[in-house]
N, C-alpha and C. Protein backbone atom coordinates (compact mmCIF):
# COMPACT_ATOMS: atom_id res chain seq x y z
N MET A 1 -23.91 -6.62 -0.12
CA MET A 1 -24.56 -6.19 1.13
C MET A 1 -25.36 -4.93 0.85
N ARG A 2 -26.65 -4.97 1.14
CA ARG A 2 -27.57 -3.94 0.70
C ARG A 2 -27.23 -2.56 1.29
N GLY A 3 -27.20 -1.56 0.43
CA GLY A 3 -27.02 -0.18 0.86
C GLY A 3 -25.58 0.24 1.07
N ILE A 4 -24.63 -0.67 0.96
CA ILE A 4 -23.23 -0.34 1.18
C ILE A 4 -22.56 -0.09 -0.16
N ALA A 5 -21.91 1.10 -0.28
CA ALA A 5 -21.26 1.47 -1.52
C ALA A 5 -19.75 1.65 -1.35
N GLY A 6 -19.24 1.42 -0.15
CA GLY A 6 -17.80 1.53 0.09
C GLY A 6 -17.45 0.92 1.43
N ILE A 7 -16.21 0.49 1.58
CA ILE A 7 -15.75 -0.14 2.81
C ILE A 7 -14.53 0.61 3.34
N VAL A 8 -14.52 0.85 4.64
CA VAL A 8 -13.38 1.47 5.31
C VAL A 8 -12.80 0.44 6.28
N PHE A 9 -11.49 0.30 6.27
CA PHE A 9 -10.81 -0.67 7.13
C PHE A 9 -9.95 0.03 8.17
N ASP A 10 -10.00 -0.47 9.39
CA ASP A 10 -8.95 -0.16 10.35
C ASP A 10 -7.70 -0.91 9.90
N CYS A 11 -6.54 -0.51 10.43
CA CYS A 11 -5.30 -1.21 10.07
C CYS A 11 -4.93 -2.29 11.07
N ASP A 12 -4.55 -1.88 12.27
CA ASP A 12 -4.00 -2.82 13.25
C ASP A 12 -5.07 -3.77 13.78
N GLY A 13 -4.81 -5.06 13.63
CA GLY A 13 -5.77 -6.05 14.08
C GLY A 13 -6.80 -6.42 13.04
N VAL A 14 -6.85 -5.69 11.94
CA VAL A 14 -7.80 -5.97 10.87
C VAL A 14 -7.07 -6.33 9.58
N LEU A 15 -6.22 -5.44 9.11
CA LEU A 15 -5.39 -5.75 7.95
C LEU A 15 -4.14 -6.52 8.36
N PHE A 16 -3.63 -6.23 9.55
CA PHE A 16 -2.38 -6.84 10.00
C PHE A 16 -2.46 -7.24 11.46
N GLU A 17 -1.76 -8.32 11.80
CA GLU A 17 -1.42 -8.62 13.18
C GLU A 17 -0.14 -7.84 13.47
N SER A 18 -0.25 -6.78 14.24
CA SER A 18 0.87 -5.84 14.38
C SER A 18 1.26 -5.59 15.83
N ARG A 19 0.81 -6.44 16.72
CA ARG A 19 1.11 -6.19 18.14
C ARG A 19 2.61 -6.20 18.41
N ALA A 20 3.33 -7.14 17.83
CA ALA A 20 4.77 -7.21 18.07
C ALA A 20 5.47 -5.96 17.54
N ALA A 21 5.07 -5.52 16.36
CA ALA A 21 5.67 -4.32 15.77
C ALA A 21 5.36 -3.08 16.61
N ASN A 22 4.12 -2.97 17.06
CA ASN A 22 3.74 -1.80 17.84
C ASN A 22 4.48 -1.75 19.17
N LEU A 23 4.58 -2.89 19.85
CA LEU A 23 5.30 -2.90 21.12
C LEU A 23 6.77 -2.58 20.92
N ALA A 24 7.37 -3.12 19.87
CA ALA A 24 8.78 -2.82 19.60
C ALA A 24 8.99 -1.33 19.36
N TYR A 25 8.06 -0.73 18.65
CA TYR A 25 8.14 0.71 18.35
C TYR A 25 8.04 1.54 19.63
N TYR A 26 7.00 1.31 20.40
CA TYR A 26 6.82 2.11 21.62
C TYR A 26 7.88 1.80 22.66
N ASN A 27 8.34 0.56 22.73
CA ASN A 27 9.39 0.23 23.69
C ASN A 27 10.71 0.90 23.34
N THR A 28 10.96 1.10 22.05
CA THR A 28 12.16 1.83 21.64
C THR A 28 12.13 3.26 22.18
N ILE A 29 10.96 3.87 22.14
CA ILE A 29 10.83 5.24 22.65
C ILE A 29 10.87 5.25 24.17
N LEU A 30 10.22 4.29 24.80
CA LEU A 30 10.28 4.21 26.27
C LEU A 30 11.72 4.04 26.75
N GLU A 31 12.50 3.26 26.03
CA GLU A 31 13.90 3.05 26.40
C GLU A 31 14.67 4.36 26.39
N ALA A 32 14.34 5.23 25.40
CA ALA A 32 15.01 6.52 25.32
C ALA A 32 14.69 7.41 26.52
N PHE A 33 13.57 7.13 27.18
CA PHE A 33 13.18 7.88 28.37
C PHE A 33 13.57 7.14 29.65
N GLY A 34 14.34 6.06 29.49
CA GLY A 34 14.82 5.33 30.65
C GLY A 34 13.78 4.49 31.33
N LEU A 35 12.75 4.07 30.59
CA LEU A 35 11.67 3.29 31.18
C LEU A 35 11.73 1.85 30.70
N PRO A 36 11.25 0.92 31.52
CA PRO A 36 11.27 -0.50 31.12
C PRO A 36 10.25 -0.77 30.01
N PRO A 37 10.47 -1.83 29.25
CA PRO A 37 9.55 -2.14 28.15
C PRO A 37 8.21 -2.65 28.63
N ILE A 38 7.22 -2.50 27.76
CA ILE A 38 5.90 -3.08 27.98
C ILE A 38 5.92 -4.49 27.42
N THR A 39 5.44 -5.44 28.18
CA THR A 39 5.40 -6.82 27.73
C THR A 39 3.99 -7.18 27.23
N PRO A 40 3.87 -8.20 26.41
CA PRO A 40 2.53 -8.62 25.96
C PRO A 40 1.61 -8.98 27.13
N GLY A 41 2.20 -9.41 28.25
CA GLY A 41 1.38 -9.75 29.40
C GLY A 41 0.79 -8.56 30.11
N ASP A 42 1.29 -7.37 29.84
CA ASP A 42 0.74 -6.14 30.40
C ASP A 42 -0.43 -5.74 29.49
N CYS A 43 -1.53 -6.44 29.63
CA CYS A 43 -2.61 -6.39 28.64
C CYS A 43 -3.16 -4.99 28.40
N GLU A 44 -3.38 -4.24 29.47
CA GLU A 44 -4.01 -2.93 29.31
C GLU A 44 -3.11 -1.97 28.53
N ARG A 45 -1.84 -1.91 28.90
CA ARG A 45 -0.95 -0.97 28.21
C ARG A 45 -0.59 -1.48 26.81
N ALA A 46 -0.47 -2.79 26.64
CA ALA A 46 -0.21 -3.33 25.31
C ALA A 46 -1.38 -3.05 24.37
N HIS A 47 -2.60 -3.15 24.89
CA HIS A 47 -3.78 -2.85 24.08
C HIS A 47 -3.81 -1.37 23.70
N LEU A 48 -3.43 -0.52 24.62
CA LEU A 48 -3.35 0.92 24.33
C LEU A 48 -2.40 1.17 23.17
N CYS A 49 -1.23 0.54 23.20
CA CYS A 49 -0.24 0.72 22.13
C CYS A 49 -0.75 0.21 20.79
N HIS A 50 -1.68 -0.71 20.82
CA HIS A 50 -2.20 -1.33 19.61
C HIS A 50 -3.36 -0.56 19.00
N THR A 51 -4.01 0.29 19.78
CA THR A 51 -5.25 0.91 19.29
C THR A 51 -5.24 2.43 19.26
N ALA A 52 -4.59 3.07 20.22
CA ALA A 52 -4.69 4.53 20.36
C ALA A 52 -3.67 5.25 19.48
N ALA A 53 -3.96 6.52 19.22
CA ALA A 53 -3.01 7.37 18.51
C ALA A 53 -1.83 7.68 19.43
N SER A 54 -0.67 7.95 18.82
CA SER A 54 0.56 8.15 19.59
C SER A 54 0.45 9.21 20.68
N PRO A 55 -0.15 10.38 20.43
CA PRO A 55 -0.23 11.36 21.52
C PRO A 55 -0.92 10.81 22.77
N GLU A 56 -1.97 10.02 22.58
CA GLU A 56 -2.66 9.44 23.72
C GLU A 56 -1.81 8.36 24.39
N VAL A 57 -1.12 7.57 23.60
CA VAL A 57 -0.24 6.55 24.16
C VAL A 57 0.83 7.20 25.03
N PHE A 58 1.47 8.24 24.51
CA PHE A 58 2.52 8.90 25.28
C PHE A 58 1.96 9.62 26.50
N ARG A 59 0.77 10.13 26.37
CA ARG A 59 0.13 10.82 27.51
C ARG A 59 -0.07 9.84 28.67
N VAL A 60 -0.50 8.64 28.36
CA VAL A 60 -0.75 7.64 29.39
C VAL A 60 0.56 7.07 29.93
N LEU A 61 1.50 6.75 29.04
CA LEU A 61 2.72 6.07 29.45
C LEU A 61 3.74 7.00 30.09
N LEU A 62 3.79 8.26 29.62
CA LEU A 62 4.85 9.16 30.05
C LEU A 62 4.37 10.38 30.82
N GLY A 63 3.09 10.69 30.70
CA GLY A 63 2.57 11.90 31.33
C GLY A 63 2.52 13.05 30.35
N GLU A 64 1.61 13.96 30.58
CA GLU A 64 1.37 15.09 29.67
C GLU A 64 2.64 15.89 29.41
N GLU A 65 3.49 16.03 30.42
CA GLU A 65 4.66 16.90 30.29
C GLU A 65 5.71 16.34 29.32
N HIS A 66 5.62 15.06 28.98
CA HIS A 66 6.60 14.45 28.10
C HIS A 66 6.05 14.14 26.70
N VAL A 67 4.81 14.49 26.44
CA VAL A 67 4.19 14.13 25.16
C VAL A 67 4.94 14.74 23.99
N ASN A 68 5.23 16.01 24.04
CA ASN A 68 5.89 16.66 22.90
C ASN A 68 7.28 16.09 22.65
N ALA A 69 8.03 15.83 23.72
CA ALA A 69 9.36 15.25 23.55
C ALA A 69 9.27 13.86 22.96
N ALA A 70 8.27 13.08 23.38
CA ALA A 70 8.09 11.73 22.85
C ALA A 70 7.68 11.77 21.39
N LEU A 71 6.83 12.70 21.03
CA LEU A 71 6.42 12.83 19.63
C LEU A 71 7.61 13.21 18.75
N GLU A 72 8.49 14.04 19.29
CA GLU A 72 9.69 14.41 18.53
C GLU A 72 10.60 13.20 18.37
N ALA A 73 10.75 12.41 19.43
CA ALA A 73 11.55 11.18 19.34
C ALA A 73 10.94 10.22 18.32
N ALA A 74 9.61 10.14 18.30
CA ALA A 74 8.93 9.28 17.34
C ALA A 74 9.13 9.78 15.92
N ARG A 75 9.13 11.09 15.75
CA ARG A 75 9.33 11.66 14.41
C ARG A 75 10.69 11.29 13.84
N LEU A 76 11.67 11.20 14.70
CA LEU A 76 13.03 10.88 14.26
C LEU A 76 13.27 9.38 14.09
N LEU A 77 12.31 8.59 14.53
CA LEU A 77 12.45 7.13 14.46
C LEU A 77 11.85 6.62 13.15
N ASP A 78 12.62 5.87 12.40
CA ASP A 78 12.16 5.34 11.11
C ASP A 78 11.32 4.09 11.36
N TYR A 79 10.01 4.20 11.14
CA TYR A 79 9.13 3.07 11.43
C TYR A 79 9.38 1.89 10.51
N ARG A 80 10.02 2.13 9.38
CA ARG A 80 10.22 1.04 8.42
C ARG A 80 10.98 -0.13 9.02
N ARG A 81 11.77 0.11 10.06
CA ARG A 81 12.51 -0.98 10.70
C ARG A 81 11.59 -1.96 11.41
N PHE A 82 10.34 -1.51 11.73
CA PHE A 82 9.40 -2.36 12.45
C PHE A 82 8.40 -3.07 11.53
N ILE A 83 8.31 -2.61 10.28
CA ILE A 83 7.32 -3.16 9.36
C ILE A 83 7.47 -4.66 9.14
N PRO A 84 8.69 -5.21 9.04
CA PRO A 84 8.80 -6.66 8.83
C PRO A 84 8.18 -7.50 9.95
N ALA A 85 7.96 -6.90 11.12
CA ALA A 85 7.32 -7.64 12.22
C ALA A 85 5.81 -7.70 12.08
N MET A 86 5.27 -6.98 11.10
CA MET A 86 3.82 -6.99 10.88
C MET A 86 3.45 -8.17 10.00
N GLN A 87 2.37 -8.84 10.36
CA GLN A 87 1.91 -10.01 9.62
C GLN A 87 0.55 -9.74 8.97
N PRO A 88 0.46 -9.79 7.64
CA PRO A 88 -0.84 -9.62 6.99
C PRO A 88 -1.84 -10.66 7.49
N GLU A 89 -3.06 -10.23 7.71
CA GLU A 89 -4.10 -11.16 8.11
C GLU A 89 -4.35 -12.18 6.99
N PRO A 90 -4.65 -13.43 7.34
CA PRO A 90 -4.84 -14.48 6.32
C PRO A 90 -5.90 -14.09 5.29
N GLY A 91 -5.56 -14.26 4.03
CA GLY A 91 -6.50 -14.01 2.95
C GLY A 91 -6.80 -12.55 2.68
N MET A 92 -6.13 -11.65 3.40
CA MET A 92 -6.45 -10.23 3.28
C MET A 92 -6.17 -9.67 1.89
N THR A 93 -5.02 -9.97 1.34
CA THR A 93 -4.65 -9.38 0.05
C THR A 93 -5.61 -9.82 -1.05
N ALA A 94 -5.93 -11.10 -1.10
CA ALA A 94 -6.85 -11.59 -2.12
C ALA A 94 -8.23 -10.98 -1.95
N ALA A 95 -8.67 -10.83 -0.70
CA ALA A 95 -9.99 -10.24 -0.46
C ALA A 95 -10.00 -8.77 -0.88
N LEU A 96 -8.94 -8.03 -0.60
CA LEU A 96 -8.88 -6.63 -1.02
C LEU A 96 -8.92 -6.51 -2.54
N ALA A 97 -8.22 -7.42 -3.21
CA ALA A 97 -8.25 -7.39 -4.68
C ALA A 97 -9.66 -7.60 -5.20
N GLY A 98 -10.37 -8.56 -4.61
CA GLY A 98 -11.74 -8.82 -5.04
C GLY A 98 -12.70 -7.71 -4.68
N LEU A 99 -12.58 -7.18 -3.48
CA LEU A 99 -13.48 -6.11 -3.04
C LEU A 99 -13.25 -4.82 -3.81
N SER A 100 -11.98 -4.49 -4.05
CA SER A 100 -11.68 -3.22 -4.72
C SER A 100 -12.15 -3.21 -6.17
N ALA A 101 -12.38 -4.39 -6.74
CA ALA A 101 -12.93 -4.47 -8.09
C ALA A 101 -14.43 -4.20 -8.09
N ARG A 102 -15.05 -4.23 -6.90
CA ARG A 102 -16.49 -4.06 -6.80
C ARG A 102 -16.91 -2.70 -6.24
N LEU A 103 -16.10 -2.14 -5.34
CA LEU A 103 -16.48 -0.88 -4.70
C LEU A 103 -15.23 -0.22 -4.11
N PRO A 104 -15.29 1.09 -3.85
CA PRO A 104 -14.10 1.79 -3.34
C PRO A 104 -13.79 1.42 -1.90
N LEU A 105 -12.50 1.38 -1.60
CA LEU A 105 -12.03 1.03 -0.26
C LEU A 105 -11.21 2.17 0.32
N ALA A 106 -11.19 2.24 1.66
CA ALA A 106 -10.39 3.24 2.36
C ALA A 106 -9.81 2.62 3.61
N VAL A 107 -8.77 3.26 4.14
CA VAL A 107 -8.21 2.93 5.45
C VAL A 107 -8.44 4.12 6.37
N ALA A 108 -8.86 3.87 7.59
CA ALA A 108 -8.97 4.91 8.62
C ALA A 108 -8.30 4.37 9.87
N THR A 109 -7.17 4.95 10.22
CA THR A 109 -6.34 4.38 11.28
C THR A 109 -5.78 5.45 12.19
N ASN A 110 -5.60 5.09 13.45
CA ASN A 110 -4.95 5.99 14.40
C ASN A 110 -3.44 6.04 14.20
N ARG A 111 -2.93 5.28 13.26
CA ARG A 111 -1.53 5.43 12.87
C ARG A 111 -1.32 6.81 12.25
N GLY A 112 -0.04 7.19 12.15
CA GLY A 112 0.30 8.45 11.50
C GLY A 112 0.93 8.20 10.14
N SER A 113 2.14 8.71 9.95
CA SER A 113 2.79 8.65 8.63
C SER A 113 3.17 7.24 8.21
N SER A 114 3.22 6.29 9.15
CA SER A 114 3.65 4.93 8.80
C SER A 114 2.66 4.20 7.90
N MET A 115 1.41 4.64 7.85
CA MET A 115 0.39 3.87 7.15
C MET A 115 0.70 3.73 5.66
N ARG A 116 1.06 4.81 5.02
CA ARG A 116 1.33 4.73 3.59
C ARG A 116 2.59 3.90 3.31
N GLU A 117 3.58 3.97 4.20
CA GLU A 117 4.78 3.15 4.04
C GLU A 117 4.43 1.67 4.17
N ILE A 118 3.53 1.35 5.09
CA ILE A 118 3.11 -0.04 5.28
C ILE A 118 2.39 -0.56 4.04
N LEU A 119 1.46 0.23 3.51
CA LEU A 119 0.74 -0.19 2.31
C LEU A 119 1.70 -0.38 1.14
N ALA A 120 2.67 0.51 1.01
CA ALA A 120 3.64 0.38 -0.08
C ALA A 120 4.51 -0.87 0.11
N HIS A 121 4.94 -1.12 1.33
CA HIS A 121 5.80 -2.28 1.61
C HIS A 121 5.12 -3.59 1.23
N PHE A 122 3.82 -3.68 1.54
CA PHE A 122 3.08 -4.92 1.27
C PHE A 122 2.35 -4.88 -0.07
N GLU A 123 2.63 -3.85 -0.88
CA GLU A 123 2.05 -3.70 -2.22
C GLU A 123 0.52 -3.72 -2.18
N LEU A 124 -0.03 -2.91 -1.29
CA LEU A 124 -1.48 -2.82 -1.13
C LEU A 124 -2.05 -1.47 -1.54
N SER A 125 -1.20 -0.52 -1.87
CA SER A 125 -1.66 0.86 -2.10
C SER A 125 -2.73 0.95 -3.18
N GLU A 126 -2.61 0.12 -4.21
CA GLU A 126 -3.52 0.20 -5.34
C GLU A 126 -4.97 -0.12 -4.98
N TYR A 127 -5.17 -0.78 -3.85
CA TYR A 127 -6.52 -1.21 -3.49
C TYR A 127 -7.32 -0.12 -2.79
N PHE A 128 -6.68 0.94 -2.35
CA PHE A 128 -7.34 1.94 -1.52
C PHE A 128 -7.42 3.30 -2.22
N GLN A 129 -8.63 3.82 -2.30
CA GLN A 129 -8.83 5.14 -2.89
C GLN A 129 -8.63 6.26 -1.87
N ALA A 130 -8.66 5.93 -0.60
CA ALA A 130 -8.46 6.94 0.44
C ALA A 130 -7.71 6.31 1.60
N VAL A 131 -6.77 7.07 2.17
CA VAL A 131 -6.04 6.66 3.37
C VAL A 131 -6.08 7.83 4.34
N VAL A 132 -6.77 7.63 5.46
CA VAL A 132 -6.94 8.69 6.45
C VAL A 132 -6.27 8.24 7.75
N THR A 133 -5.37 9.08 8.27
CA THR A 133 -4.65 8.75 9.49
C THR A 133 -4.91 9.83 10.55
N SER A 134 -4.32 9.62 11.71
CA SER A 134 -4.48 10.57 12.80
C SER A 134 -3.89 11.93 12.46
N ARG A 135 -3.01 11.98 11.48
CA ARG A 135 -2.41 13.25 11.07
C ARG A 135 -3.33 14.07 10.17
N ASP A 136 -4.38 13.45 9.69
CA ASP A 136 -5.27 14.12 8.74
C ASP A 136 -6.48 14.77 9.39
N VAL A 137 -6.66 14.54 10.70
CA VAL A 137 -7.85 15.04 11.39
C VAL A 137 -7.44 15.66 12.72
N VAL A 138 -8.34 16.43 13.28
CA VAL A 138 -8.08 17.05 14.58
C VAL A 138 -8.16 16.02 15.70
N ARG A 139 -9.15 15.12 15.60
CA ARG A 139 -9.39 14.16 16.67
C ARG A 139 -9.32 12.74 16.12
N PRO A 140 -8.50 11.86 16.70
CA PRO A 140 -8.44 10.47 16.25
C PRO A 140 -9.63 9.68 16.77
N LYS A 141 -9.72 8.43 16.38
CA LYS A 141 -10.72 7.54 16.97
C LYS A 141 -10.48 7.45 18.48
N PRO A 142 -11.52 7.47 19.29
CA PRO A 142 -12.91 7.08 19.01
C PRO A 142 -13.80 8.19 18.43
N HIS A 143 -13.25 9.36 18.15
CA HIS A 143 -14.04 10.41 17.52
C HIS A 143 -14.32 10.02 16.07
N PRO A 144 -15.36 10.58 15.47
CA PRO A 144 -15.75 10.16 14.13
C PRO A 144 -15.01 10.85 13.00
N ASP A 145 -14.10 11.77 13.31
CA ASP A 145 -13.52 12.67 12.31
C ASP A 145 -12.93 11.94 11.11
N MET A 146 -12.12 10.91 11.36
CA MET A 146 -11.45 10.28 10.22
C MET A 146 -12.41 9.45 9.37
N LEU A 147 -13.45 8.92 9.96
CA LEU A 147 -14.44 8.20 9.15
C LEU A 147 -15.25 9.17 8.29
N ILE A 148 -15.56 10.31 8.83
CA ILE A 148 -16.25 11.33 8.05
C ILE A 148 -15.36 11.83 6.92
N GLU A 149 -14.07 11.97 7.21
CA GLU A 149 -13.13 12.38 6.17
C GLU A 149 -12.99 11.31 5.10
N ALA A 150 -12.98 10.05 5.50
CA ALA A 150 -12.92 8.97 4.52
C ALA A 150 -14.15 8.99 3.61
N ALA A 151 -15.32 9.22 4.20
CA ALA A 151 -16.54 9.32 3.39
C ALA A 151 -16.43 10.48 2.40
N ARG A 152 -15.89 11.61 2.87
CA ARG A 152 -15.73 12.77 1.98
C ARG A 152 -14.81 12.44 0.82
N GLN A 153 -13.68 11.78 1.11
CA GLN A 153 -12.72 11.46 0.05
C GLN A 153 -13.28 10.44 -0.93
N LEU A 154 -14.14 9.57 -0.46
CA LEU A 154 -14.76 8.58 -1.35
C LEU A 154 -16.00 9.12 -2.05
N ALA A 155 -16.39 10.35 -1.69
CA ALA A 155 -17.59 10.99 -2.26
C ALA A 155 -18.84 10.16 -1.98
N LEU A 156 -18.93 9.66 -0.74
CA LEU A 156 -20.08 8.88 -0.30
C LEU A 156 -20.61 9.44 1.01
N GLU A 157 -21.88 9.15 1.29
CA GLU A 157 -22.44 9.50 2.58
C GLU A 157 -22.00 8.47 3.62
N PRO A 158 -21.86 8.89 4.87
CA PRO A 158 -21.48 7.92 5.90
C PRO A 158 -22.38 6.69 5.93
N ALA A 159 -23.67 6.87 5.72
CA ALA A 159 -24.61 5.76 5.78
C ALA A 159 -24.37 4.74 4.66
N GLN A 160 -23.58 5.11 3.65
CA GLN A 160 -23.29 4.20 2.55
C GLN A 160 -22.04 3.36 2.81
N LEU A 161 -21.40 3.56 3.96
CA LEU A 161 -20.13 2.90 4.24
C LEU A 161 -20.28 1.81 5.29
N LEU A 162 -19.37 0.85 5.21
CA LEU A 162 -19.19 -0.16 6.24
C LEU A 162 -17.78 0.00 6.77
N PHE A 163 -17.64 0.11 8.09
CA PHE A 163 -16.33 0.22 8.71
C PHE A 163 -15.98 -1.09 9.39
N VAL A 164 -14.85 -1.67 9.00
CA VAL A 164 -14.40 -2.93 9.56
C VAL A 164 -13.34 -2.64 10.62
N GLY A 165 -13.65 -2.93 11.88
CA GLY A 165 -12.73 -2.65 12.97
C GLY A 165 -12.70 -3.77 13.98
N ASP A 166 -11.80 -3.62 14.95
CA ASP A 166 -11.63 -4.71 15.92
C ASP A 166 -11.53 -4.21 17.35
N SER A 167 -11.82 -2.93 17.60
CA SER A 167 -11.65 -2.40 18.95
C SER A 167 -12.82 -1.53 19.35
N GLU A 168 -12.88 -1.24 20.64
CA GLU A 168 -13.92 -0.35 21.15
C GLU A 168 -13.81 1.04 20.52
N LEU A 169 -12.59 1.47 20.22
CA LEU A 169 -12.39 2.77 19.58
C LEU A 169 -13.04 2.78 18.19
N ASP A 170 -12.88 1.69 17.46
CA ASP A 170 -13.49 1.59 16.13
C ASP A 170 -15.01 1.59 16.23
N GLN A 171 -15.53 0.83 17.16
CA GLN A 171 -16.97 0.72 17.36
C GLN A 171 -17.56 2.09 17.69
N ALA A 172 -16.91 2.83 18.58
CA ALA A 172 -17.41 4.14 18.99
C ALA A 172 -17.33 5.14 17.85
N ALA A 173 -16.25 5.10 17.08
CA ALA A 173 -16.10 6.02 15.96
C ALA A 173 -17.17 5.79 14.91
N ALA A 174 -17.45 4.52 14.62
CA ALA A 174 -18.49 4.20 13.64
C ALA A 174 -19.85 4.69 14.10
N ALA A 175 -20.18 4.47 15.36
CA ALA A 175 -21.47 4.92 15.88
C ALA A 175 -21.59 6.43 15.80
N ALA A 176 -20.53 7.13 16.17
CA ALA A 176 -20.57 8.60 16.16
C ALA A 176 -20.67 9.15 14.75
N ALA A 177 -20.11 8.42 13.77
CA ALA A 177 -20.14 8.89 12.38
C ALA A 177 -21.39 8.47 11.63
N GLY A 178 -22.20 7.60 12.24
CA GLY A 178 -23.37 7.10 11.55
C GLY A 178 -23.03 6.11 10.46
N ILE A 179 -21.96 5.33 10.69
CA ILE A 179 -21.48 4.34 9.73
C ILE A 179 -21.73 2.94 10.28
N ARG A 180 -22.17 2.04 9.44
CA ARG A 180 -22.41 0.67 9.87
C ARG A 180 -21.08 0.00 10.20
N PHE A 181 -21.10 -0.85 11.22
CA PHE A 181 -19.87 -1.41 11.77
C PHE A 181 -19.82 -2.91 11.61
N ALA A 182 -18.66 -3.40 11.16
CA ALA A 182 -18.39 -4.83 11.09
C ALA A 182 -17.28 -5.16 12.07
N ALA A 183 -17.55 -6.06 13.01
CA ALA A 183 -16.56 -6.45 14.00
C ALA A 183 -15.72 -7.59 13.45
N TYR A 184 -14.42 -7.36 13.42
CA TYR A 184 -13.50 -8.36 12.89
C TYR A 184 -12.87 -9.17 14.02
N ARG A 185 -13.19 -10.43 14.06
CA ARG A 185 -12.59 -11.40 14.99
C ARG A 185 -12.65 -10.96 16.45
N ASN A 186 -13.82 -10.47 16.87
CA ASN A 186 -14.01 -10.15 18.29
C ASN A 186 -15.50 -10.21 18.61
N ASP A 187 -15.83 -9.95 19.88
CA ASP A 187 -17.20 -10.08 20.35
C ASP A 187 -17.91 -8.74 20.51
N LEU A 188 -17.40 -7.69 19.90
CA LEU A 188 -18.04 -6.39 19.98
C LEU A 188 -19.44 -6.46 19.35
N ALA A 189 -20.35 -5.68 19.91
CA ALA A 189 -21.68 -5.58 19.31
C ALA A 189 -21.57 -4.92 17.95
N ALA A 190 -22.11 -5.57 16.94
CA ALA A 190 -21.98 -5.05 15.58
C ALA A 190 -23.06 -5.65 14.69
N GLU A 191 -23.43 -4.90 13.66
CA GLU A 191 -24.40 -5.39 12.69
C GLU A 191 -23.85 -6.61 11.94
N VAL A 192 -22.54 -6.57 11.68
CA VAL A 192 -21.89 -7.65 10.93
C VAL A 192 -20.72 -8.15 11.77
N LYS A 193 -20.55 -9.47 11.84
CA LYS A 193 -19.41 -10.08 12.50
C LYS A 193 -18.71 -10.98 11.51
N ILE A 194 -17.41 -10.79 11.35
CA ILE A 194 -16.65 -11.61 10.41
C ILE A 194 -15.41 -12.17 11.11
N ASP A 195 -15.06 -13.37 10.70
CA ASP A 195 -13.90 -14.05 11.27
C ASP A 195 -12.72 -14.09 10.33
N CYS A 196 -12.95 -13.74 9.05
CA CYS A 196 -11.86 -13.75 8.08
C CYS A 196 -12.22 -12.82 6.93
N HIS A 197 -11.21 -12.44 6.17
CA HIS A 197 -11.43 -11.49 5.07
C HIS A 197 -12.20 -12.14 3.92
N GLN A 198 -12.04 -13.42 3.72
CA GLN A 198 -12.79 -14.07 2.66
C GLN A 198 -14.29 -14.04 2.96
N GLN A 199 -14.63 -14.08 4.22
CA GLN A 199 -16.04 -13.98 4.61
C GLN A 199 -16.60 -12.62 4.21
N LEU A 200 -15.80 -11.58 4.39
CA LEU A 200 -16.23 -10.24 3.98
C LEU A 200 -16.40 -10.18 2.47
N LEU A 201 -15.47 -10.77 1.74
CA LEU A 201 -15.58 -10.79 0.28
C LEU A 201 -16.86 -11.49 -0.17
N ARG A 202 -17.20 -12.59 0.49
CA ARG A 202 -18.41 -13.32 0.12
C ARG A 202 -19.67 -12.48 0.32
N LEU A 203 -19.67 -11.61 1.33
CA LEU A 203 -20.82 -10.76 1.58
C LEU A 203 -21.10 -9.83 0.40
N PHE A 204 -20.06 -9.48 -0.34
CA PHE A 204 -20.21 -8.54 -1.45
C PHE A 204 -20.11 -9.20 -2.81
N SER A 205 -20.10 -10.51 -2.82
CA SER A 205 -20.04 -11.23 -4.10
C SER A 205 -21.26 -12.09 -4.34
N GLY A 206 -22.27 -11.91 -3.45
CA GLY A 206 -23.51 -12.64 -3.62
C GLY A 206 -23.44 -14.08 -3.16
N GLU A 207 -22.38 -14.43 -2.42
CA GLU A 207 -22.24 -15.82 -1.97
C GLU A 207 -22.67 -16.02 -0.53
N GLY A 208 -23.04 -14.95 0.15
CA GLY A 208 -23.42 -15.13 1.54
C GLY A 208 -23.69 -13.81 2.20
């Protein structure tokens, strides 16, 4: 793909189908506050849990006055218990292996400390030269901070990167950072639209 020298991936919804894991995680914390669980049918709040950084999730679900207490509860909760509920996207591992042999890859996610544990669990760490989370920047997505940080760590200009995301937050962050955007399995406006990881690999292997 002309002009692209590196790829940045979102995690949830792009590398993994993680809705079940995310809801289980946030529902565990809600239970500690005596609140009922969020169900998949509660589309707006379930989507929030799938895309936003934890401080924003807690702000919406619990109110500003409980954010710090919820973050402390989250800090004490071992996310590794939820990782088995995450499902790698079809063909993702093989595509990462092929892509990483051609150009540097990064992850930019609103997740916090769980991201590196997830990559290690699924034996994906070797494919990524940079991993940027909400803990590494002042402002999470939809702000551009973590994409700019990913570019810095890869020693590339933002215009040389392609960001693969699946949400409005990803789309907005890419636009604000001046990074080209690839929409993964959704109808967001994007320069590139892909339905599978092998399709992305073909874009960089001269096959399409």
